[in-house]
Amino acid sequence: MLIKYKKSFEKIAMGLLSFMPEEKEVKKLQSTIKAYETNDNWRLFLWKEEDVLGAIGVRVDDDQKMIVQHISVTPSHRNQGIGKKMVMALKEQFSDEFIICANEKTENFVNTCEE
């Protein structure tokens, strides 16, 4: 189930985002989380089953596009379709309002979710 990020999930979200190569440095990671907390155009969602297993972060632009800029799944739960479930849940929840697309870092993964 896709749930909206809230401050109480900060450590979990930081842990998940730290698996992304460009988010390895602590200062960069803290800056990214702060952007999700303070920027109205940035939205972070977590994937929760029994535990939180993944995170997907988007940026909303002026053209009604919701751009997937971060996507991460805990290593022990990879290759089980959780990333695809997050992308599909995002599309199901927001496709009436936004065009869901990817940036250059998430493009290959998001495109494979549509196959």
PDB file of N, CA and C in Angstrom:
ATOM      1  N   MET A   1       0.841  -1.174   0.000  1.00  0.00           N
ATOM      2  CA  MET A   1       0.000   0.000   0.000  1.00  0.00           C
ATOM      3  C   MET A   1       0.891   1.244   0.000  1.00  0.00           C
ATOM      4  N   LEU A   2       0.565   2.187  -0.845  1.00  0.00           N
ATOM      5  CA  LEU A   2       1.294   3.446  -0.942  1.00  0.00           C
ATOM      6  C   LEU A   2       0.788   4.392   0.139  1.00  0.00           C
ATOM      7  N   ILE A   3       1.705   4.878   0.980  1.00  0.00           N
ATOM      8  CA  ILE A   3       1.329   5.835   2.022  1.00  0.00           C
ATOM      9  C   ILE A   3       2.173   7.093   1.876  1.00  0.00           C
ATOM     10  N   LYS A   4       1.604   8.212   2.270  1.00  0.00           N
ATOM     11  CA  LYS A   4       2.312   9.484   2.182  1.00  0.00           C
ATOM     12  C   LYS A   4       3.361   9.571   3.290  1.00  0.00           C
ATOM     13  N   TYR A   5       4.516  10.089   2.951  1.00  0.00           N
ATOM     14  CA  TYR A   5       5.602  10.273   3.914  1.00  0.00           C
ATOM     15  C   TYR A   5       5.173  11.249   4.997  1.00  0.00           C
ATOM     16  N   LYS A   6       5.577  10.942   6.216  1.00  0.00           N
ATOM     17  CA  LYS A   6       5.452  11.892   7.308  1.00  0.00           C
ATOM     18  C   LYS A   6       6.727  11.832   8.137  1.00  0.00           C
ATOM     19  N   LYS A   7       6.953  12.858   8.916  1.00  0.00           N
ATOM     20  CA  LYS A   7       8.200  13.037   9.660  1.00  0.00           C
ATOM     21  C   LYS A   7       8.571  11.810  10.505  1.00  0.00           C
ATOM     22  N   SER A   8       7.598  11.115  11.041  1.00  0.00           N
ATOM     23  CA  SER A   8       7.890   9.950  11.881  1.00  0.00           C
ATOM     24  C   SER A   8       8.555   8.817  11.093  1.00  0.00           C
ATOM     25  N   PHE A   9       8.498   8.872   9.764  1.00  0.00           N
ATOM     26  CA  PHE A   9       9.145   7.870   8.909  1.00  0.00           C
ATOM     27  C   PHE A   9      10.505   8.337   8.387  1.00  0.00           C
ATOM     28  N   GLU A  10      11.026   9.422   8.940  1.00  0.00           N
ATOM     29  CA  GLU A  10      12.242  10.033   8.392  1.00  0.00           C
ATOM     30  C   GLU A  10      13.416   9.059   8.313  1.00  0.00           C
ATOM     31  N   LYS A  11      13.715   8.333   9.375  1.00  0.00           N
ATOM     32  CA  LYS A  11      14.869   7.425   9.366  1.00  0.00           C
ATOM     33  C   LYS A  11      14.681   6.295   8.360  1.00  0.00           C
ATOM     34  N   ILE A  12      13.473   5.775   8.282  1.00  0.00           N
ATOM     35  CA  ILE A  12      13.187   4.711   7.320  1.00  0.00           C
ATOM     36  C   ILE A  12      13.365   5.242   5.898  1.00  0.00           C
ATOM     37  N   ALA A  13      12.807   6.425   5.634  1.00  0.00           N
ATOM     38  CA  ALA A  13      12.906   7.018   4.300  1.00  0.00           C
ATOM     39  C   ALA A  13      14.356   7.308   3.936  1.00  0.00           C
ATOM     40  N   MET A  14      15.111   7.833   4.885  1.00  0.00           N
ATOM     41  CA  MET A  14      16.528   8.111   4.608  1.00  0.00           C
ATOM     42  C   MET A  14      17.280   6.818   4.315  1.00  0.00           C
ATOM     43  N   GLY A  15      16.970   5.769   5.058  1.00  0.00           N
ATOM     44  CA  GLY A  15      17.606   4.480   4.809  1.00  0.00           C
ATOM     45  C   GLY A  15      17.304   3.967   3.414  1.00  0.00           C
ATOM     46  N   LEU A  16      16.051   4.075   3.007  1.00  0.00           N
ATOM     47  CA  LEU A  16      15.661   3.608   1.673  1.00  0.00           C
ATOM     48  C   LEU A  16      16.314   4.444   0.576  1.00  0.00           C
ATOM     49  N   LEU A  17      16.278   5.760   0.722  1.00  0.00           N
ATOM     50  CA  LEU A  17      16.862   6.626  -0.304  1.00  0.00           C
ATOM     51  C   LEU A  17      18.377   6.472  -0.376  1.00  0.00           C
ATOM     52  N   SER A  18      19.001   6.069   0.734  1.00  0.00           N
ATOM     53  CA  SER A  18      20.462   5.919   0.732  1.00  0.00           C
ATOM     54  C   SER A  18      20.931   4.795  -0.190  1.00  0.00           C
ATOM     55  N   PHE A  19      20.017   3.920  -0.610  1.00  0.00           N
ATOM     56  CA  PHE A  19      20.391   2.863  -1.553  1.00  0.00           C
ATOM     57  C   PHE A  19      20.568   3.400  -2.967  1.00  0.00           C
ATOM     58  N   MET A  20      20.105   4.621  -3.216  1.00  0.00           N
ATOM     59  CA  MET A  20      20.279   5.216  -4.541  1.00  0.00           C
ATOM     60  C   MET A  20      21.694   5.790  -4.640  1.00  0.00           C
ATOM     61  N   PRO A  21      22.413   5.522  -5.730  1.00  0.00           N
ATOM     62  CA  PRO A  21      23.819   5.933  -5.843  1.00  0.00           C
ATOM     63  C   PRO A  21      24.056   7.426  -5.581  1.00  0.00           C
ATOM     64  N   GLU A  22      23.181   8.295  -6.072  1.00  0.00           N
ATOM     65  CA  GLU A  22      23.403   9.735  -5.910  1.00  0.00           C
ATOM     66  C   GLU A  22      23.019  10.241  -4.523  1.00  0.00           C
ATOM     67  N   GLU A  23      22.485   9.374  -3.674  1.00  0.00           N
ATOM     68  CA  GLU A  23      22.074   9.771  -2.323  1.00  0.00           C
ATOM     69  C   GLU A  23      22.954   9.148  -1.239  1.00  0.00           C
ATOM     70  N   LYS A  24      24.142   8.707  -1.585  1.00  0.00           N
ATOM     71  CA  LYS A  24      25.014   8.016  -0.627  1.00  0.00           C
ATOM     72  C   LYS A  24      25.541   8.937   0.472  1.00  0.00           C
ATOM     73  N   GLU A  25      25.878  10.174   0.127  1.00  0.00           N
ATOM     74  CA  GLU A  25      26.438  11.098   1.107  1.00  0.00           C
ATOM     75  C   GLU A  25      25.352  11.584   2.056  1.00  0.00           C
ATOM     76  N   VAL A  26      25.680  11.624   3.345  1.00  0.00           N
ATOM     77  CA  VAL A  26      24.699  11.983   4.366  1.00  0.00           C
ATOM     78  C   VAL A  26      24.141  13.385   4.151  1.00  0.00           C
ATOM     79  N   LYS A  27      24.990  14.344   3.821  1.00  0.00           N
ATOM     80  CA  LYS A  27      24.518  15.726   3.621  1.00  0.00           C
ATOM     81  C   LYS A  27      23.548  15.810   2.446  1.00  0.00           C
ATOM     82  N   LYS A  28      23.834  15.092   1.382  1.00  0.00           N
ATOM     83  CA  LYS A  28      22.948  15.074   0.214  1.00  0.00           C
ATOM     84  C   LYS A  28      21.610  14.435   0.584  1.00  0.00           C
ATOM     85  N   LEU A  29      21.686  13.349   1.324  1.00  0.00           N
ATOM     86  CA  LEU A  29      20.489  12.641   1.759  1.00  0.00           C
ATOM     87  C   LEU A  29      19.625  13.520   2.661  1.00  0.00           C
ATOM     88  N   GLN A  30      20.244  14.210   3.598  1.00  0.00           N
ATOM     89  CA  GLN A  30      19.511  15.117   4.490  1.00  0.00           C
ATOM     90  C   GLN A  30      18.856  16.241   3.695  1.00  0.00           C
ATOM     91  N   SER A  31      19.562  16.739   2.708  1.00  0.00           N
ATOM     92  CA  SER A  31      19.029  17.802   1.854  1.00  0.00           C
ATOM     93  C   SER A  31      17.822  17.299   1.060  1.00  0.00           C
ATOM     94  N   THR A  32      17.897  16.080   0.563  1.00  0.00           N
ATOM     95  CA  THR A  32      16.790  15.497  -0.201  1.00  0.00           C
ATOM     96  C   THR A  32      15.559  15.326   0.685  1.00  0.00           C
ATOM     97  N   ILE A  33      15.737  14.785   1.876  1.00  0.00           N
ATOM     98  CA  ILE A  33      14.609  14.598   2.796  1.00  0.00           C
ATOM     99  C   ILE A  33      13.996  15.949   3.156  1.00  0.00           C
ATOM    100  N   LYS A  34      14.850  16.948   3.411  1.00  0.00           N
ATOM    101  CA  LYS A  34      14.344  18.290   3.742  1.00  0.00           C
ATOM    102  C   LYS A  34      13.507  18.845   2.590  1.00  0.00           C
ATOM    103  N   ALA A  35      13.957  18.609   1.355  1.00  0.00           N
ATOM    104  CA  ALA A  35      13.196  19.070   0.192  1.00  0.00           C
ATOM    105  C   ALA A  35      11.816  18.413   0.158  1.00  0.00           C
ATOM    106  N   TYR A  36      11.757  17.111   0.463  1.00  0.00           N
ATOM    107  CA  TYR A  36      10.459  16.435   0.484  1.00  0.00           C
ATOM    108  C   TYR A  36       9.566  16.973   1.596  1.00  0.00           C
ATOM    109  N   GLU A  37      10.162  17.410   2.689  1.00  0.00           N
ATOM    110  CA  GLU A  37       9.378  17.924   3.813  1.00  0.00           C
ATOM    111  C   GLU A  37       8.917  19.363   3.612  1.00  0.00           C
ATOM    112  N   THR A  38       9.675  20.153   2.853  1.00  0.00           N
ATOM    113  CA  THR A  38       9.387  21.593   2.771  1.00  0.00           C
ATOM    114  C   THR A  38       8.893  22.077   1.412  1.00  0.00           C
ATOM    115  N   ASN A  39       9.200  21.376   0.348  1.00  0.00           N
ATOM    116  CA  ASN A  39       8.818  21.817  -0.990  1.00  0.00           C
ATOM    117  C   ASN A  39       7.474  21.205  -1.373  1.00  0.00           C
ATOM    118  N   ASP A  40       6.485  22.044  -1.620  1.00  0.00           N
ATOM    119  CA  ASP A  40       5.144  21.562  -1.969  1.00  0.00           C
ATOM    120  C   ASP A  40       5.111  20.779  -3.274  1.00  0.00           C
ATOM    121  N   ASN A  41       6.099  20.980  -4.125  1.00  0.00           N
ATOM    122  CA  ASN A  41       6.135  20.277  -5.408  1.00  0.00           C
ATOM    123  C   ASN A  41       6.843  18.926  -5.330  1.00  0.00           C
ATOM    124  N   TRP A  42       7.429  18.614  -4.190  1.00  0.00           N
ATOM    125  CA  TRP A  42       8.094  17.327  -3.993  1.00  0.00           C
ATOM    126  C   TRP A  42       7.232  16.492  -3.067  1.00  0.00           C
ATOM    127  N   ARG A  43       6.978  15.261  -3.454  1.00  0.00           N
ATOM    128  CA  ARG A  43       6.153  14.362  -2.650  1.00  0.00           C
ATOM    129  C   ARG A  43       6.843  13.012  -2.529  1.00  0.00           C
ATOM    130  N   LEU A  44       6.886  12.508  -1.312  1.00  0.00           N
ATOM    131  CA  LEU A  44       7.514  11.224  -1.046  1.00  0.00           C
ATOM    132  C   LEU A  44       6.466  10.258  -0.518  1.00  0.00           C
ATOM    133  N   PHE A  45       6.468   9.057  -1.067  1.00  0.00           N
ATOM    134  CA  PHE A  45       5.539   8.014  -0.647  1.00  0.00           C
ATOM    135  C   PHE A  45       6.341   6.784  -0.249  1.00  0.00           C
ATOM    136  N   LEU A  46       5.800   6.043   0.682  1.00  0.00           N
ATOM    137  CA  LEU A  46       6.428   4.808   1.127  1.00  0.00           C
ATOM    138  C   LEU A  46       5.520   3.648   0.772  1.00  0.00           C
ATOM    139  N   TRP A  47       6.123   2.492   0.528  1.00  0.00           N
ATOM    140  CA  TRP A  47       5.351   1.286   0.249  1.00  0.00           C
ATOM    141  C   TRP A  47       5.358   0.436   1.503  1.00  0.00           C
ATOM    142  N   LYS A  48       4.161   0.201   2.034  1.00  0.00           N
ATOM    143  CA  LYS A  48       4.049  -0.545   3.278  1.00  0.00           C
ATOM    144  C   LYS A  48       3.220  -1.795   3.068  1.00  0.00           C
ATOM    145  N   GLU A  49       3.794  -2.901   3.471  1.00  0.00           N
ATOM    146  CA  GLU A  49       3.050  -4.149   3.559  1.00  0.00           C
ATOM    147  C   GLU A  49       2.969  -4.411   5.066  1.00  0.00           C
ATOM    148  N   GLU A  50       3.678  -5.385   5.605  1.00  0.00           N
ATOM    149  CA  GLU A  50       3.770  -5.487   7.059  1.00  0.00           C
ATOM    150  C   GLU A  50       4.768  -4.451   7.574  1.00  0.00           C
ATOM    151  N   ASP A  51       5.814  -4.235   6.814  1.00  0.00           N
ATOM    152  CA  ASP A  51       6.832  -3.228   7.109  1.00  0.00           C
ATOM    153  C   ASP A  51       6.925  -2.282   5.921  1.00  0.00           C
ATOM    154  N   VAL A  52       7.641  -1.190   6.105  1.00  0.00           N
ATOM    155  CA  VAL A  52       7.917  -0.288   4.991  1.00  0.00           C
ATOM    156  C   VAL A  52       9.046  -0.911   4.177  1.00  0.00           C
ATOM    157  N   LEU A  53       8.768  -1.167   2.905  1.00  0.00           N
ATOM    158  CA  LEU A  53       9.715  -1.886   2.053  1.00  0.00           C
ATOM    159  C   LEU A  53      10.298  -1.040   0.927  1.00  0.00           C
ATOM    160  N   GLY A  54       9.687   0.111   0.639  1.00  0.00           N
ATOM    161  CA  GLY A  54      10.155   0.908  -0.476  1.00  0.00           C
ATOM    162  C   GLY A  54       9.764   2.356  -0.350  1.00  0.00           C
ATOM    163  N   ALA A  55      10.371   3.174  -1.200  1.00  0.00           N
ATOM    164  CA  ALA A  55      10.070   4.607  -1.257  1.00  0.00           C
ATOM    165  C   ALA A  55      10.054   5.034  -2.719  1.00  0.00           C
ATOM    166  N   ILE A  56       9.140   5.952  -3.010  1.00  0.00           N
ATOM    167  CA  ILE A  56       9.086   6.543  -4.347  1.00  0.00           C
ATOM    168  C   ILE A  56       8.844   8.038  -4.174  1.00  0.00           C
ATOM    169  N   GLY A  57       9.732   8.817  -4.772  1.00  0.00           N
ATOM    170  CA  GLY A  57       9.650  10.269  -4.650  1.00  0.00           C
ATOM    171  C   GLY A  57       9.386  10.908  -5.995  1.00  0.00           C
ATOM    172  N   VAL A  58       8.513  11.913  -5.996  1.00  0.00           N
ATOM    173  CA  VAL A  58       8.138  12.575  -7.241  1.00  0.00           C
ATOM    174  C   VAL A  58       8.252  14.091  -7.093  1.00  0.00           C
ATOM    175  N   ARG A  59       8.355  14.734  -8.236  1.00  0.00           N
ATOM    176  CA  ARG A  59       8.329  16.189  -8.317  1.00  0.00           C
ATOM    177  C   ARG A  59       7.206  16.561  -9.280  1.00  0.00           C
ATOM    178  N   VAL A  60       6.367  17.484  -8.852  1.00  0.00           N
ATOM    179  CA  VAL A  60       5.262  17.938  -9.691  1.00  0.00           C
ATOM    180  C   VAL A  60       5.705  19.224 -10.376  1.00  0.00           C
ATOM    181  N   ASP A  61       5.567  19.269 -11.707  1.00  0.00           N
ATOM    182  CA  ASP A  61       5.943  20.497 -12.412  1.00  0.00           C
ATOM    183  C   ASP A  61       4.703  21.238 -12.911  1.00  0.00           C
ATOM    184  N   ASP A  62       4.918  22.356 -13.518  1.00  0.00           N
ATOM    185  CA  ASP A  62       3.818  23.231 -13.945  1.00  0.00           C
ATOM    186  C   ASP A  62       2.979  22.662 -15.077  1.00  0.00           C
ATOM    187  N   ASP A  63       3.505  21.684 -15.778  1.00  0.00           N
ATOM    188  CA  ASP A  63       2.788  21.098 -16.909  1.00  0.00           C
ATOM    189  C   ASP A  63       1.921  19.911 -16.500  1.00  0.00           C
ATOM    190  N   GLN A  64       1.582  19.847 -15.209  1.00  0.00           N
ATOM    191  CA  GLN A  64       0.776  18.734 -14.681  1.00  0.00           C
ATOM    192  C   GLN A  64       1.467  17.393 -14.855  1.00  0.00           C
ATOM    193  N   LYS A  65       2.789  17.421 -14.779  1.00  0.00           N
ATOM    194  CA  LYS A  65       3.557  16.182 -14.821  1.00  0.00           C
ATOM    195  C   LYS A  65       4.004  15.828 -13.415  1.00  0.00           C
ATOM    196  N   MET A  66       3.928  14.557 -13.089  1.00  0.00           N
ATOM    197  CA  MET A  66       4.460  14.033 -11.843  1.00  0.00           C
ATOM    198  C   MET A  66       5.660  13.184 -12.245  1.00  0.00           C
ATOM    199  N   ILE A  67       6.847  13.680 -11.932  1.00  0.00           N
ATOM    200  CA  ILE A  67       8.086  13.072 -12.403  1.00  0.00           C
ATOM    201  C   ILE A  67       8.702  12.221 -11.295  1.00  0.00           C
ATOM    202  N   VAL A  68       8.844  10.933 -11.552  1.00  0.00           N
ATOM    203  CA  VAL A  68       9.464  10.033 -10.588  1.00  0.00           C
ATOM    204  C   VAL A  68      10.958  10.342 -10.565  1.00  0.00           C
ATOM    205  N   GLN A  69      11.447  10.796  -9.404  1.00  0.00           N
ATOM    206  CA  GLN A  69      12.864  11.149  -9.308  1.00  0.00           C
ATOM    207  C   GLN A  69      13.644  10.239  -8.355  1.00  0.00           C
ATOM    208  N   HIS A  70      12.948   9.530  -7.487  1.00  0.00           N
ATOM    209  CA  HIS A  70      13.591   8.555  -6.601  1.00  0.00           C
ATOM    210  C   HIS A  70      12.716   7.313  -6.523  1.00  0.00           C
ATOM    211  N   ILE A  71      13.341   6.163  -6.541  1.00  0.00           N
ATOM    212  CA  ILE A  71      12.619   4.913  -6.300  1.00  0.00           C
ATOM    213  C   ILE A  71      13.621   3.923  -5.717  1.00  0.00           C
ATOM    214  N   SER A  72      13.226   3.314  -4.610  1.00  0.00           N
ATOM    215  CA  SER A  72      14.139   2.419  -3.911  1.00  0.00           C
ATOM    216  C   SER A  72      13.349   1.365  -3.137  1.00  0.00           C
ATOM    217  N   VAL A  73      13.904   0.168  -3.100  1.00  0.00           N
ATOM    218  CA  VAL A  73      13.309  -0.957  -2.368  1.00  0.00           C
ATOM    219  C   VAL A  73      14.405  -1.563  -1.495  1.00  0.00           C
ATOM    220  N   THR A  74      14.039  -2.006  -0.297  1.00  0.00           N
ATOM    221  CA  THR A  74      15.036  -2.639   0.567  1.00  0.00           C
ATOM    222  C   THR A  74      15.683  -3.802  -0.185  1.00  0.00           C
ATOM    223  N   PRO A  75      16.992  -3.972  -0.035  1.00  0.00           N
ATOM    224  CA  PRO A  75      17.684  -5.032  -0.783  1.00  0.00           C
ATOM    225  C   PRO A  75      17.094  -6.425  -0.581  1.00  0.00           C
ATOM    226  N   SER A  76      16.634  -6.722   0.609  1.00  0.00           N
ATOM    227  CA  SER A  76      16.096  -8.071   0.863  1.00  0.00           C
ATOM    228  C   SER A  76      14.732  -8.305   0.210  1.00  0.00           C
ATOM    229  N   HIS A  77      14.121  -7.266  -0.324  1.00  0.00           N
ATOM    230  CA  HIS A  77      12.814  -7.408  -0.974  1.00  0.00           C
ATOM    231  C   HIS A  77      12.847  -7.035  -2.458  1.00  0.00           C
ATOM    232  N   ARG A  78      14.030  -6.919  -3.016  1.00  0.00           N
ATOM    233  CA  ARG A  78      14.136  -6.578  -4.440  1.00  0.00           C
ATOM    234  C   ARG A  78      13.770  -7.774  -5.305  1.00  0.00           C
ATOM    235  N   ASN A  79      13.441  -7.493  -6.551  1.00  0.00           N
ATOM    236  CA  ASN A  79      13.064  -8.508  -7.541  1.00  0.00           C
ATOM    237  C   ASN A  79      11.800  -9.257  -7.146  1.00  0.00           C
ATOM    238  N   GLN A  80      10.933  -8.593  -6.383  1.00  0.00           N
ATOM    239  CA  GLN A  80       9.649  -9.177  -6.001  1.00  0.00           C
ATOM    240  C   GLN A  80       8.481  -8.337  -6.517  1.00  0.00           C
ATOM    241  N   GLY A  81       8.786  -7.361  -7.374  1.00  0.00           N
ATOM    242  CA  GLY A  81       7.738  -6.552  -7.975  1.00  0.00           C
ATOM    243  C   GLY A  81       7.288  -5.361  -7.154  1.00  0.00           C
ATOM    244  N   ILE A  82       7.991  -5.042  -6.065  1.00  0.00           N
ATOM    245  CA  ILE A  82       7.564  -3.930  -5.208  1.00  0.00           C
ATOM    246  C   ILE A  82       7.749  -2.587  -5.917  1.00  0.00           C
ATOM    247  N   GLY A  83       8.850  -2.419  -6.604  1.00  0.00           N
ATOM    248  CA  GLY A  83       9.066  -1.177  -7.358  1.00  0.00           C
ATOM    249  C   GLY A  83       7.969  -0.958  -8.386  1.00  0.00           C
ATOM    250  N   LYS A  84       7.629  -2.016  -9.104  1.00  0.00           N
ATOM    251  CA  LYS A  84       6.552  -1.929 -10.092  1.00  0.00           C
ATOM    252  C   LYS A  84       5.225  -1.613  -9.411  1.00  0.00           C
ATOM    253  N   LYS A  85       4.957  -2.237  -8.263  1.00  0.00           N
ATOM    254  CA  LYS A  85       3.715  -1.951  -7.527  1.00  0.00           C
ATOM    255  C   LYS A  85       3.641  -0.479  -7.138  1.00  0.00           C
ATOM    256  N   MET A  86       4.777   0.101  -6.731  1.00  0.00           N
ATOM    257  CA  MET A  86       4.782   1.516  -6.351  1.00  0.00           C
ATOM    258  C   MET A  86       4.462   2.403  -7.551  1.00  0.00           C
ATOM    259  N   VAL A  87       5.090   2.122  -8.681  1.00  0.00           N
ATOM    260  CA  VAL A  87       4.839   2.918  -9.888  1.00  0.00           C
ATOM    261  C   VAL A  87       3.381   2.781 -10.319  1.00  0.00           C
ATOM    262  N   MET A  88       2.864   1.564 -10.320  1.00  0.00           N
ATOM    263  CA  MET A  88       1.478   1.344 -10.741  1.00  0.00           C
ATOM    264  C   MET A  88       0.489   1.994  -9.764  1.00  0.00           C
ATOM    265  N   ALA A  89       0.764   1.938  -8.462  1.00  0.00           N
ATOM    266  CA  ALA A  89      -0.109   2.573  -7.470  1.00  0.00           C
ATOM    267  C   ALA A  89      -0.105   4.089  -7.645  1.00  0.00           C
ATOM    268  N   LEU A  90       1.050   4.650  -7.954  1.00  0.00           N
ATOM    269  CA  LEU A  90       1.154   6.082  -8.206  1.00  0.00           C
ATOM    270  C   LEU A  90       0.297   6.464  -9.410  1.00  0.00           C
ATOM    271  N   LYS A  91       0.409   5.668 -10.467  1.00  0.00           N
ATOM    272  CA  LYS A  91      -0.383   5.943 -11.677  1.00  0.00           C
ATOM    273  C   LYS A  91      -1.877   5.801 -11.397  1.00  0.00           C
ATOM    274  N   GLU A  92      -2.241   4.783 -10.650  1.00  0.00           N
ATOM    275  CA  GLU A  92      -3.651   4.564 -10.333  1.00  0.00           C
ATOM    276  C   GLU A  92      -4.213   5.715  -9.490  1.00  0.00           C
ATOM    277  N   GLN A  93      -3.421   6.181  -8.563  1.00  0.00           N
ATOM    278  CA  GLN A  93      -3.885   7.211  -7.637  1.00  0.00           C
ATOM    279  C   GLN A  93      -3.904   8.608  -8.253  1.00  0.00           C
ATOM    280  N   PHE A  94      -2.966   8.896  -9.163  1.00  0.00           N
ATOM    281  CA  PHE A  94      -2.801  10.273  -9.630  1.00  0.00           C
ATOM    282  C   PHE A  94      -2.978  10.487 -11.125  1.00  0.00           C
ATOM    283  N   SER A  95      -3.286   9.460 -11.903  1.00  0.00           N
ATOM    284  CA  SER A  95      -3.330   9.632 -13.361  1.00  0.00           C
ATOM    285  C   SER A  95      -4.447  10.558 -13.827  1.00  0.00           C
ATOM    286  N   ASP A  96      -5.473  10.785 -13.004  1.00  0.00           N
ATOM    287  CA  ASP A  96      -6.520  11.743 -13.382  1.00  0.00           C
ATOM    288  C   ASP A  96      -6.020  13.186 -13.293  1.00  0.00           C
ATOM    289  N   GLU A  97      -5.048  13.424 -12.408  1.00  0.00           N
ATOM    290  CA  GLU A  97      -4.527  14.771 -12.188  1.00  0.00           C
ATOM    291  C   GLU A  97      -3.241  15.059 -12.938  1.00  0.00           C
ATOM    292  N   PHE A  98      -2.399  14.033 -13.077  1.00  0.00           N
ATOM    293  CA  PHE A  98      -1.049  14.230 -13.589  1.00  0.00           C
ATOM    294  C   PHE A  98      -0.684  13.195 -14.642  1.00  0.00           C
ATOM    295  N   ILE A  99       0.263  13.584 -15.486  1.00  0.00           N
ATOM    296  CA  ILE A  99       0.927  12.642 -16.365  1.00  0.00           C
ATOM    297  C   ILE A  99       2.117  12.111 -15.559  1.00  0.00           C
ATOM    298  N   ILE A 100       2.173  10.810 -15.349  1.00  0.00           N
ATOM    299  CA  ILE A 100       3.259  10.209 -14.581  1.00  0.00           C
ATOM    300  C   ILE A 100       4.398   9.888 -15.540  1.00  0.00           C
ATOM    301  N   CYS A 101       5.574  10.424 -15.266  1.00  0.00           N
ATOM    302  CA  CYS A 101       6.734  10.160 -16.116  1.00  0.00           C
ATOM    303  C   CYS A 101       7.979  10.043 -15.237  1.00  0.00           C
ATOM    304  N   ALA A 102       9.118   9.903 -15.852  1.00  0.00           N
ATOM    305  CA  ALA A 102      10.358   9.667 -15.108  1.00  0.00           C
ATOM    306  C   ALA A 102      11.411  10.701 -15.482  1.00  0.00           C
ATOM    307  N   ASN A 103      12.428  10.816 -14.629  1.00  0.00           N
ATOM    308  CA  ASN A 103      13.588  11.616 -15.008  1.00  0.00           C
ATOM    309  C   ASN A 103      14.641  10.676 -15.584  1.00  0.00           C
ATOM    310  N   GLU A 104      15.805  11.223 -15.900  1.00  0.00           N
ATOM    311  CA  GLU A 104      16.833  10.399 -16.545  1.00  0.00           C
ATOM    312  C   GLU A 104      17.345   9.280 -15.638  1.00  0.00           C
ATOM    313  N   LYS A 105      17.268   9.446 -14.332  1.00  0.00           N
ATOM    314  CA  LYS A 105      17.767   8.421 -13.410  1.00  0.00           C
ATOM    315  C   LYS A 105      16.777   7.281 -13.207  1.00  0.00           C
ATOM    316  N   THR A 106      15.493   7.557 -13.355  1.00  0.00           N
ATOM    317  CA  THR A 106      14.477   6.526 -13.105  1.00  0.00           C
ATOM    318  C   THR A 106      13.795   6.036 -14.373  1.00  0.00           C
ATOM    319  N   GLU A 107      14.137   6.635 -15.498  1.00  0.00           N
ATOM    320  CA  GLU A 107      13.452   6.359 -16.764  1.00  0.00           C
ATOM    321  C   GLU A 107      13.455   4.884 -17.149  1.00  0.00           C
ATOM    322  N   ASN A 108      14.618   4.236 -17.116  1.00  0.00           N
ATOM    323  CA  ASN A 108      14.675   2.836 -17.525  1.00  0.00           C
ATOM    324  C   ASN A 108      13.760   1.968 -16.666  1.00  0.00           C
ATOM    325  N   PHE A 109      13.794   2.172 -15.351  1.00  0.00           N
ATOM    326  CA  PHE A 109      12.971   1.356 -14.463  1.00  0.00           C
ATOM    327  C   PHE A 109      11.486   1.634 -14.697  1.00  0.00           C
ATOM    328  N   VAL A 110      11.101   2.902 -14.725  1.00  0.00           N
ATOM    329  CA  VAL A 110       9.682   3.244 -14.891  1.00  0.00           C
ATOM    330  C   VAL A 110       9.158   2.708 -16.220  1.00  0.00           C
ATOM    331  N   ASN A 111       9.951   2.776 -17.268  1.00  0.00           N
ATOM    332  CA  ASN A 111       9.527   2.241 -18.565  1.00  0.00           C
ATOM    333  C   ASN A 111       9.316   0.730 -18.520  1.00  0.00           C
ATOM    334  N   THR A 112      10.142  -0.002 -17.777  1.00  0.00           N
ATOM    335  CA  THR A 112       9.957  -1.447 -17.686  1.00  0.00           C
ATOM    336  C   THR A 112       8.700  -1.803 -16.909  1.00  0.00           C
ATOM    337  N   CYS A 113       8.236  -0.916 -16.045  1.00  0.00           N
ATOM    338  CA  CYS A 113       7.012  -1.164 -15.282  1.00  0.00           C
ATOM    339  C   CYS A 113       5.773  -1.153 -16.171  1.00  0.00           C
ATOM    340  N   GLU A 114       5.880  -0.512 -17.303  1.00  0.00           N
ATOM    341  CA  GLU A 114       4.743  -0.386 -18.207  1.00  0.00           C
ATOM    342  C   GLU A 114       4.667  -1.523 -19.216  1.00  0.00           C
ATOM    343  N   GLU A 115       5.656  -2.384 -19.212  1.00  0.00           N
ATOM    344  CA  GLU A 115       5.677  -3.481 -20.201  1.00  0.00           C
ATOM    345  C   GLU A 115       4.825  -4.629 -19.748  1.00  0.00           C
TER     346      GLU A 115
END
